[in-house]
Amino acid sequence: MSEQPAPADHARQQLEPAAADGLRAYAARTRAKADQFAAVLEDIAANGLPSVEACTPWEELREAHLARLAAQRPAVA
């Protein structure tokens, strides 16, 4: 993102402190995920793809993710 200030004719609306803190926390989580993803790609570039036996089938990953999502939502009657 640009470090330049906004033009004078377009004043920016300041966020509430709690909203700004939440946004910073989201940015930190997103940055951490991007760093983790970059590390995986660098490992693959340096060492090649893992063997098929060492990988988890995508169906298992999908089912685990769907189960996590279902656990986060309250049941609807």
PDB file of N, CA and C in Angstrom:
ATOM      1  N   MET A   1       0.834  -1.173   0.000  1.00  0.00           N
ATOM      2  CA  MET A   1       0.000   0.000   0.000  1.00  0.00           C
ATOM      3  C   MET A   1       0.884   1.243   0.000  1.00  0.00           C
ATOM      4  N   SER A   2       0.310   2.312  -0.426  1.00  0.00           N
ATOM      5  CA  SER A   2       1.042   3.560  -0.527  1.00  0.00           C
ATOM      6  C   SER A   2       1.194   4.208   0.841  1.00  0.00           C
ATOM      7  N   GLU A   3       2.341   4.806   1.065  1.00  0.00           N
ATOM      8  CA  GLU A   3       2.604   5.522   2.310  1.00  0.00           C
ATOM      9  C   GLU A   3       2.274   7.001   2.170  1.00  0.00           C
ATOM     10  N   GLN A   4       1.761   7.399   1.004  1.00  0.00           N
ATOM     11  CA  GLN A   4       1.474   8.806   0.762  1.00  0.00           C
ATOM     12  C   GLN A   4       0.182   9.202   1.469  1.00  0.00           C
ATOM     13  N   PRO A   5       0.153  10.425   1.998  1.00  0.00           N
ATOM     14  CA  PRO A   5      -1.085  10.878   2.644  1.00  0.00           C
ATOM     15  C   PRO A   5      -2.171  11.112   1.601  1.00  0.00           C
ATOM     16  N   ALA A   6      -3.413  11.066   2.061  1.00  0.00           N
ATOM     17  CA  ALA A   6      -4.542  11.305   1.171  1.00  0.00           C
ATOM     18  C   ALA A   6      -4.554  12.769   0.751  1.00  0.00           C
ATOM     19  N   PRO A   7      -5.041  13.071  -0.450  1.00  0.00           N
ATOM     20  CA  PRO A   7      -5.138  14.469  -0.869  1.00  0.00           C
ATOM     21  C   PRO A   7      -5.990  15.271   0.124  1.00  0.00           C
ATOM     22  N   ALA A   8      -5.708  16.556   0.225  1.00  0.00           N
ATOM     23  CA  ALA A   8      -6.361  17.411   1.212  1.00  0.00           C
ATOM     24  C   ALA A   8      -7.868  17.486   1.017  1.00  0.00           C
ATOM     25  N   ASP A   9      -8.355  17.386  -0.232  1.00  0.00           N
ATOM     26  CA  ASP A   9      -9.788  17.521  -0.462  1.00  0.00           C
ATOM     27  C   ASP A   9     -10.568  16.242  -0.139  1.00  0.00           C
ATOM     28  N   HIS A  10      -9.872  15.183   0.207  1.00  0.00           N
ATOM     29  CA  HIS A  10     -10.526  13.932   0.566  1.00  0.00           C
ATOM     30  C   HIS A  10     -10.094  13.544   1.977  1.00  0.00           C
ATOM     31  N   ALA A  11     -10.705  14.172   2.959  1.00  0.00           N
ATOM     32  CA  ALA A  11     -10.354  13.879   4.344  1.00  0.00           C
ATOM     33  C   ALA A  11     -10.761  12.454   4.688  1.00  0.00           C
ATOM     34  N   ARG A  12      -9.931  11.773   5.436  1.00  0.00           N
ATOM     35  CA  ARG A  12     -10.211  10.402   5.828  1.00  0.00           C
ATOM     36  C   ARG A  12     -10.964  10.375   7.147  1.00  0.00           C
ATOM     37  N   GLN A  13     -11.883   9.457   7.249  1.00  0.00           N
ATOM     38  CA  GLN A  13     -12.629   9.276   8.481  1.00  0.00           C
ATOM     39  C   GLN A  13     -11.835   8.349   9.395  1.00  0.00           C
ATOM     40  N   GLN A  14     -11.569   8.802  10.591  1.00  0.00           N
ATOM     41  CA  GLN A  14     -10.803   8.002  11.545  1.00  0.00           C
ATOM     42  C   GLN A  14     -11.671   6.888  12.124  1.00  0.00           C
ATOM     43  N   LEU A  15     -11.048   5.750  12.383  1.00  0.00           N
ATOM     44  CA  LEU A  15     -11.745   4.618  12.977  1.00  0.00           C
ATOM     45  C   LEU A  15     -11.766   4.757  14.496  1.00  0.00           C
ATOM     46  N   GLU A  16     -12.740   4.109  15.086  1.00  0.00           N
ATOM     47  CA  GLU A  16     -12.760   4.007  16.548  1.00  0.00           C
ATOM     48  C   GLU A  16     -11.540   3.182  16.956  1.00  0.00           C
ATOM     49  N   PRO A  17     -10.974   3.435  18.133  1.00  0.00           N
ATOM     50  CA  PRO A  17      -9.784   2.677  18.557  1.00  0.00           C
ATOM     51  C   PRO A  17      -9.983   1.160  18.529  1.00  0.00           C
ATOM     52  N   ALA A  18     -11.147   0.683  18.959  1.00  0.00           N
ATOM     53  CA  ALA A  18     -11.385  -0.768  18.951  1.00  0.00           C
ATOM     54  C   ALA A  18     -11.415  -1.309  17.524  1.00  0.00           C
ATOM     55  N   ALA A  19     -12.014  -0.565  16.606  1.00  0.00           N
ATOM     56  CA  ALA A  19     -12.060  -0.991  15.207  1.00  0.00           C
ATOM     57  C   ALA A  19     -10.662  -1.003  14.600  1.00  0.00           C
ATOM     58  N   ALA A  20      -9.871   0.012  14.915  1.00  0.00           N
ATOM     59  CA  ALA A  20      -8.498   0.068  14.405  1.00  0.00           C
ATOM     60  C   ALA A  20      -7.677  -1.099  14.951  1.00  0.00           C
ATOM     61  N   ASP A  21      -7.866  -1.419  16.236  1.00  0.00           N
ATOM     62  CA  ASP A  21      -7.148  -2.551  16.823  1.00  0.00           C
ATOM     63  C   ASP A  21      -7.558  -3.859  16.168  1.00  0.00           C
ATOM     64  N   GLY A  22      -8.850  -4.015  15.898  1.00  0.00           N
ATOM     65  CA  GLY A  22      -9.326  -5.211  15.226  1.00  0.00           C
ATOM     66  C   GLY A  22      -8.756  -5.336  13.822  1.00  0.00           C
ATOM     67  N   LEU A  23      -8.676  -4.223  13.125  1.00  0.00           N
ATOM     68  CA  LEU A  23      -8.119  -4.220  11.778  1.00  0.00           C
ATOM     69  C   LEU A  23      -6.635  -4.570  11.793  1.00  0.00           C
ATOM     70  N   ARG A  24      -5.916  -4.043  12.780  1.00  0.00           N
ATOM     71  CA  ARG A  24      -4.489  -4.394  12.911  1.00  0.00           C
ATOM     72  C   ARG A  24      -4.315  -5.883  13.219  1.00  0.00           C
ATOM     73  N   ALA A  25      -5.178  -6.421  14.062  1.00  0.00           N
ATOM     74  CA  ALA A  25      -5.098  -7.852  14.383  1.00  0.00           C
ATOM     75  C   ALA A  25      -5.371  -8.694  13.151  1.00  0.00           C
ATOM     76  N   TYR A  26      -6.364  -8.294  12.353  1.00  0.00           N
ATOM     77  CA  TYR A  26      -6.673  -9.010  11.115  1.00  0.00           C
ATOM     78  C   TYR A  26      -5.484  -8.946  10.155  1.00  0.00           C
ATOM     79  N   ALA A  27      -4.867  -7.782  10.054  1.00  0.00           N
ATOM     80  CA  ALA A  27      -3.697  -7.631   9.186  1.00  0.00           C
ATOM     81  C   ALA A  27      -2.558  -8.532   9.657  1.00  0.00           C
ATOM     82  N   ALA A  28      -2.359  -8.630  10.957  1.00  0.00           N
ATOM     83  CA  ALA A  28      -1.293  -9.481  11.489  1.00  0.00           C
ATOM     84  C   ALA A  28      -1.568 -10.954  11.195  1.00  0.00           C
ATOM     85  N   ARG A  29      -2.833 -11.390  11.352  1.00  0.00           N
ATOM     86  CA  ARG A  29      -3.176 -12.785  11.040  1.00  0.00           C
ATOM     87  C   ARG A  29      -2.985 -13.069   9.555  1.00  0.00           C
ATOM     88  N   THR A  30      -3.402 -12.137   8.718  1.00  0.00           N
ATOM     89  CA  THR A  30      -3.264 -12.310   7.271  1.00  0.00           C
ATOM     90  C   THR A  30      -1.789 -12.371   6.883  1.00  0.00           C
ATOM     91  N   ARG A  31      -0.983 -11.509   7.491  1.00  0.00           N
ATOM     92  CA  ARG A  31       0.454 -11.503   7.210  1.00  0.00           C
ATOM     93  C   ARG A  31       1.090 -12.815   7.645  1.00  0.00           C
ATOM     94  N   ALA A  32       0.683 -13.339   8.798  1.00  0.00           N
ATOM     95  CA  ALA A  32       1.239 -14.607   9.287  1.00  0.00           C
ATOM     96  C   ALA A  32       0.875 -15.756   8.348  1.00  0.00           C
ATOM     97  N   LYS A  33      -0.368 -15.770   7.861  1.00  0.00           N
ATOM     98  CA  LYS A  33      -0.777 -16.814   6.919  1.00  0.00           C
ATOM     99  C   LYS A  33       0.007 -16.709   5.611  1.00  0.00           C
ATOM    100  N   ALA A  34       0.225 -15.492   5.147  1.00  0.00           N
ATOM    101  CA  ALA A  34       0.987 -15.298   3.908  1.00  0.00           C
ATOM    102  C   ALA A  34       2.431 -15.749   4.093  1.00  0.00           C
ATOM    103  N   ASP A  35       3.005 -15.461   5.256  1.00  0.00           N
ATOM    104  CA  ASP A  35       4.379 -15.891   5.538  1.00  0.00           C
ATOM    105  C   ASP A  35       4.476 -17.412   5.579  1.00  0.00           C
ATOM    106  N   GLN A  36       3.471 -18.061   6.177  1.00  0.00           N
ATOM    107  CA  GLN A  36       3.457 -19.520   6.238  1.00  0.00           C
ATOM    108  C   GLN A  36       3.343 -20.110   4.829  1.00  0.00           C
ATOM    109  N   PHE A  37       2.471 -19.542   4.014  1.00  0.00           N
ATOM    110  CA  PHE A  37       2.302 -20.013   2.641  1.00  0.00           C
ATOM    111  C   PHE A  37       3.596 -19.829   1.852  1.00  0.00           C
ATOM    112  N   ALA A  38       4.239 -18.685   2.009  1.00  0.00           N
ATOM    113  CA  ALA A  38       5.501 -18.431   1.312  1.00  0.00           C
ATOM    114  C   ALA A  38       6.578 -19.428   1.745  1.00  0.00           C
ATOM    115  N   ALA A  39       6.592 -19.785   3.026  1.00  0.00           N
ATOM    116  CA  ALA A  39       7.575 -20.755   3.515  1.00  0.00           C
ATOM    117  C   ALA A  39       7.349 -22.124   2.877  1.00  0.00           C
ATOM    118  N   VAL A  40       6.087 -22.522   2.719  1.00  0.00           N
ATOM    119  CA  VAL A  40       5.785 -23.801   2.071  1.00  0.00           C
ATOM    120  C   VAL A  40       6.256 -23.783   0.619  1.00  0.00           C
ATOM    121  N   LEU A  41       5.977 -22.695  -0.083  1.00  0.00           N
ATOM    122  CA  LEU A  41       6.413 -22.598  -1.480  1.00  0.00           C
ATOM    123  C   LEU A  41       7.934 -22.616  -1.592  1.00  0.00           C
ATOM    124  N   GLU A  42       8.622 -21.932  -0.676  1.00  0.00           N
ATOM    125  CA  GLU A  42      10.085 -21.938  -0.692  1.00  0.00           C
ATOM    126  C   GLU A  42      10.636 -23.333  -0.423  1.00  0.00           C
ATOM    127  N   ASP A  43       9.991 -24.069   0.486  1.00  0.00           N
ATOM    128  CA  ASP A  43      10.420 -25.439   0.773  1.00  0.00           C
ATOM    129  C   ASP A  43      10.252 -26.326  -0.456  1.00  0.00           C
ATOM    130  N   ILE A  44       9.127 -26.182  -1.142  1.00  0.00           N
ATOM    131  CA  ILE A  44       8.900 -26.968  -2.362  1.00  0.00           C
ATOM    132  C   ILE A  44       9.933 -26.610  -3.420  1.00  0.00           C
ATOM    133  N   ALA A  45      10.232 -25.319  -3.564  1.00  0.00           N
ATOM    134  CA  ALA A  45      11.231 -24.902  -4.547  1.00  0.00           C
ATOM    135  C   ALA A  45      12.604 -25.470  -4.213  1.00  0.00           C
ATOM    136  N   ALA A  46      12.942 -25.530  -2.927  1.00  0.00           N
ATOM    137  CA  ALA A  46      14.264 -26.003  -2.518  1.00  0.00           C
ATOM    138  C   ALA A  46      14.364 -27.528  -2.517  1.00  0.00           C
ATOM    139  N   ASN A  47      13.285 -28.215  -2.147  1.00  0.00           N
ATOM    140  CA  ASN A  47      13.369 -29.659  -1.927  1.00  0.00           C
ATOM    141  C   ASN A  47      12.491 -30.488  -2.844  1.00  0.00           C
ATOM    142  N   GLY A  48      11.692 -29.843  -3.676  1.00  0.00           N
ATOM    143  CA  GLY A  48      10.790 -30.576  -4.561  1.00  0.00           C
ATOM    144  C   GLY A  48       9.480 -30.901  -3.870  1.00  0.00           C
ATOM    145  N   LEU A  49       8.584 -31.505  -4.618  1.00  0.00           N
ATOM    146  CA  LEU A  49       7.274 -31.876  -4.085  1.00  0.00           C
ATOM    147  C   LEU A  49       7.404 -33.057  -3.138  1.00  0.00           C
ATOM    148  N   PRO A  50       6.568 -33.102  -2.101  1.00  0.00           N
ATOM    149  CA  PRO A  50       6.604 -34.261  -1.203  1.00  0.00           C
ATOM    150  C   PRO A  50       6.055 -35.494  -1.910  1.00  0.00           C
ATOM    151  N   SER A  51       6.376 -36.662  -1.370  1.00  0.00           N
ATOM    152  CA  SER A  51       5.867 -37.903  -1.967  1.00  0.00           C
ATOM    153  C   SER A  51       4.362 -37.975  -1.744  1.00  0.00           C
ATOM    154  N   VAL A  52       3.686 -38.721  -2.596  1.00  0.00           N
ATOM    155  CA  VAL A  52       2.238 -38.879  -2.498  1.00  0.00           C
ATOM    156  C   VAL A  52       1.870 -39.496  -1.149  1.00  0.00           C
ATOM    157  N   GLU A  53       2.676 -40.401  -0.652  1.00  0.00           N
ATOM    158  CA  GLU A  53       2.394 -41.065   0.625  1.00  0.00           C
ATOM    159  C   GLU A  53       2.447 -40.081   1.793  1.00  0.00           C
ATOM    160  N   ALA A  54       3.210 -39.015   1.665  1.00  0.00           N
ATOM    161  CA  ALA A  54       3.347 -38.040   2.745  1.00  0.00           C
ATOM    162  C   ALA A  54       2.255 -36.967   2.705  1.00  0.00           C
ATOM    163  N   CYS A  55       1.406 -37.008   1.704  1.00  0.00           N
ATOM    164  CA  CYS A  55       0.369 -35.978   1.530  1.00  0.00           C
ATOM    165  C   CYS A  55      -0.981 -36.461   2.053  1.00  0.00           C
ATOM    166  N   THR A  56      -1.820 -35.508   2.417  1.00  0.00           N
ATOM    167  CA  THR A  56      -3.187 -35.795   2.846  1.00  0.00           C
ATOM    168  C   THR A  56      -4.107 -35.589   1.654  1.00  0.00           C
ATOM    169  N   PRO A  57      -4.959 -36.572   1.347  1.00  0.00           N
ATOM    170  CA  PRO A  57      -5.886 -36.404   0.217  1.00  0.00           C
ATOM    171  C   PRO A  57      -6.780 -35.182   0.426  1.00  0.00           C
ATOM    172  N   TRP A  58      -7.103 -34.489  -0.654  1.00  0.00           N
ATOM    173  CA  TRP A  58      -7.880 -33.262  -0.550  1.00  0.00           C
ATOM    174  C   TRP A  58      -9.264 -33.519   0.025  1.00  0.00           C
ATOM    175  N   GLU A  59      -9.803 -34.714  -0.205  1.00  0.00           N
ATOM    176  CA  GLU A  59     -11.122 -35.027   0.346  1.00  0.00           C
ATOM    177  C   GLU A  59     -11.100 -34.991   1.877  1.00  0.00           C
ATOM    178  N   GLU A  60     -10.034 -35.511   2.469  1.00  0.00           N
ATOM    179  CA  GLU A  60      -9.904 -35.479   3.931  1.00  0.00           C
ATOM    180  C   GLU A  60      -9.765 -34.045   4.430  1.00  0.00           C
ATOM    181  N   LEU A  61      -8.980 -33.247   3.711  1.00  0.00           N
ATOM    182  CA  LEU A  61      -8.822 -31.841   4.088  1.00  0.00           C
ATOM    183  C   LEU A  61     -10.153 -31.104   4.002  1.00  0.00           C
ATOM    184  N   ARG A  62     -10.917 -31.365   2.933  1.00  0.00           N
ATOM    185  CA  ARG A  62     -12.221 -30.728   2.755  1.00  0.00           C
ATOM    186  C   ARG A  62     -13.155 -31.101   3.888  1.00  0.00           C
ATOM    187  N   GLU A  63     -13.244 -32.394   4.208  1.00  0.00           N
ATOM    188  CA  GLU A  63     -14.146 -32.845   5.259  1.00  0.00           C
ATOM    189  C   GLU A  63     -13.760 -32.259   6.613  1.00  0.00           C
ATOM    190  N   ALA A  64     -12.478 -32.186   6.893  1.00  0.00           N
ATOM    191  CA  ALA A  64     -12.032 -31.595   8.158  1.00  0.00           C
ATOM    192  C   ALA A  64     -12.385 -30.111   8.217  1.00  0.00           C
ATOM    193  N   HIS A  65     -12.217 -29.418   7.103  1.00  0.00           N
ATOM    194  CA  HIS A  65     -12.552 -27.995   7.061  1.00  0.00           C
ATOM    195  C   HIS A  65     -14.052 -27.785   7.221  1.00  0.00           C
ATOM    196  N   LEU A  66     -14.862 -28.596   6.547  1.00  0.00           N
ATOM    197  CA  LEU A  66     -16.315 -28.485   6.687  1.00  0.00           C
ATOM    198  C   LEU A  66     -16.753 -28.779   8.117  1.00  0.00           C
ATOM    199  N   ALA A  67     -16.105 -29.726   8.769  1.00  0.00           N
ATOM    200  CA  ALA A  67     -16.431 -30.027  10.163  1.00  0.00           C
ATOM    201  C   ALA A  67     -16.085 -28.847  11.072  1.00  0.00           C
ATOM    202  N   ARG A  68     -14.945 -28.181  10.810  1.00  0.00           N
ATOM    203  CA  ARG A  68     -14.581 -26.986  11.595  1.00  0.00           C
ATOM    204  C   ARG A  68     -15.609 -25.885  11.394  1.00  0.00           C
ATOM    205  N   LEU A  69     -16.025 -25.681  10.147  1.00  0.00           N
ATOM    206  CA  LEU A  69     -17.028 -24.648   9.873  1.00  0.00           C
ATOM    207  C   LEU A  69     -18.357 -24.963  10.562  1.00  0.00           C
ATOM    208  N   ALA A  70     -18.771 -26.228  10.514  1.00  0.00           N
ATOM    209  CA  ALA A  70     -20.027 -26.624  11.150  1.00  0.00           C
ATOM    210  C   ALA A  70     -19.958 -26.431  12.654  1.00  0.00           C
ATOM    211  N   ALA A  71     -18.800 -26.697  13.249  1.00  0.00           N
ATOM    212  CA  ALA A  71     -18.647 -26.544  14.704  1.00  0.00           C
ATOM    213  C   ALA A  71     -18.687 -25.077  15.122  1.00  0.00           C
ATOM    214  N   GLN A  72     -18.344 -24.161  14.234  1.00  0.00           N
ATOM    215  CA  GLN A  72     -18.329 -22.730  14.548  1.00  0.00           C
ATOM    216  C   GLN A  72     -19.721 -22.125  14.519  1.00  0.00           C
ATOM    217  N   ARG A  73     -20.638 -22.755  13.828  1.00  0.00           N
ATOM    218  CA  ARG A  73     -21.993 -22.198  13.671  1.00  0.00           C
ATOM    219  C   ARG A  73     -22.963 -22.906  14.616  1.00  0.00           C
ATOM    220  N   PRO A  74     -23.841 -22.127  15.246  1.00  0.00           N
ATOM    221  CA  PRO A  74     -24.836 -22.778  16.090  1.00  0.00           C
ATOM    222  C   PRO A  74     -25.840 -23.552  15.227  1.00  0.00           C
ATOM    223  N   ALA A  75     -26.337 -24.625  15.767  1.00  0.00           N
ATOM    224  CA  ALA A  75     -27.314 -25.446  15.045  1.00  0.00           C
ATOM    225  C   ALA A  75     -28.624 -24.677  14.908  1.00  0.00           C
ATOM    226  N   VAL A  76     -29.253 -24.820  13.759  1.00  0.00           N
ATOM    227  CA  VAL A  76     -30.526 -24.161  13.508  1.00  0.00           C
ATOM    228  C   VAL A  76     -31.629 -25.183  13.753  1.00  0.00           C
ATOM    229  N   ALA A  77     -32.631 -24.782  14.529  1.00  0.00           N
ATOM    230  CA  ALA A  77     -33.715 -25.700  14.861  1.00  0.00           C
ATOM    231  C   ALA A  77     -34.672 -25.862  13.708  1.00  0.00           C
TER     232      ALA A  77
END
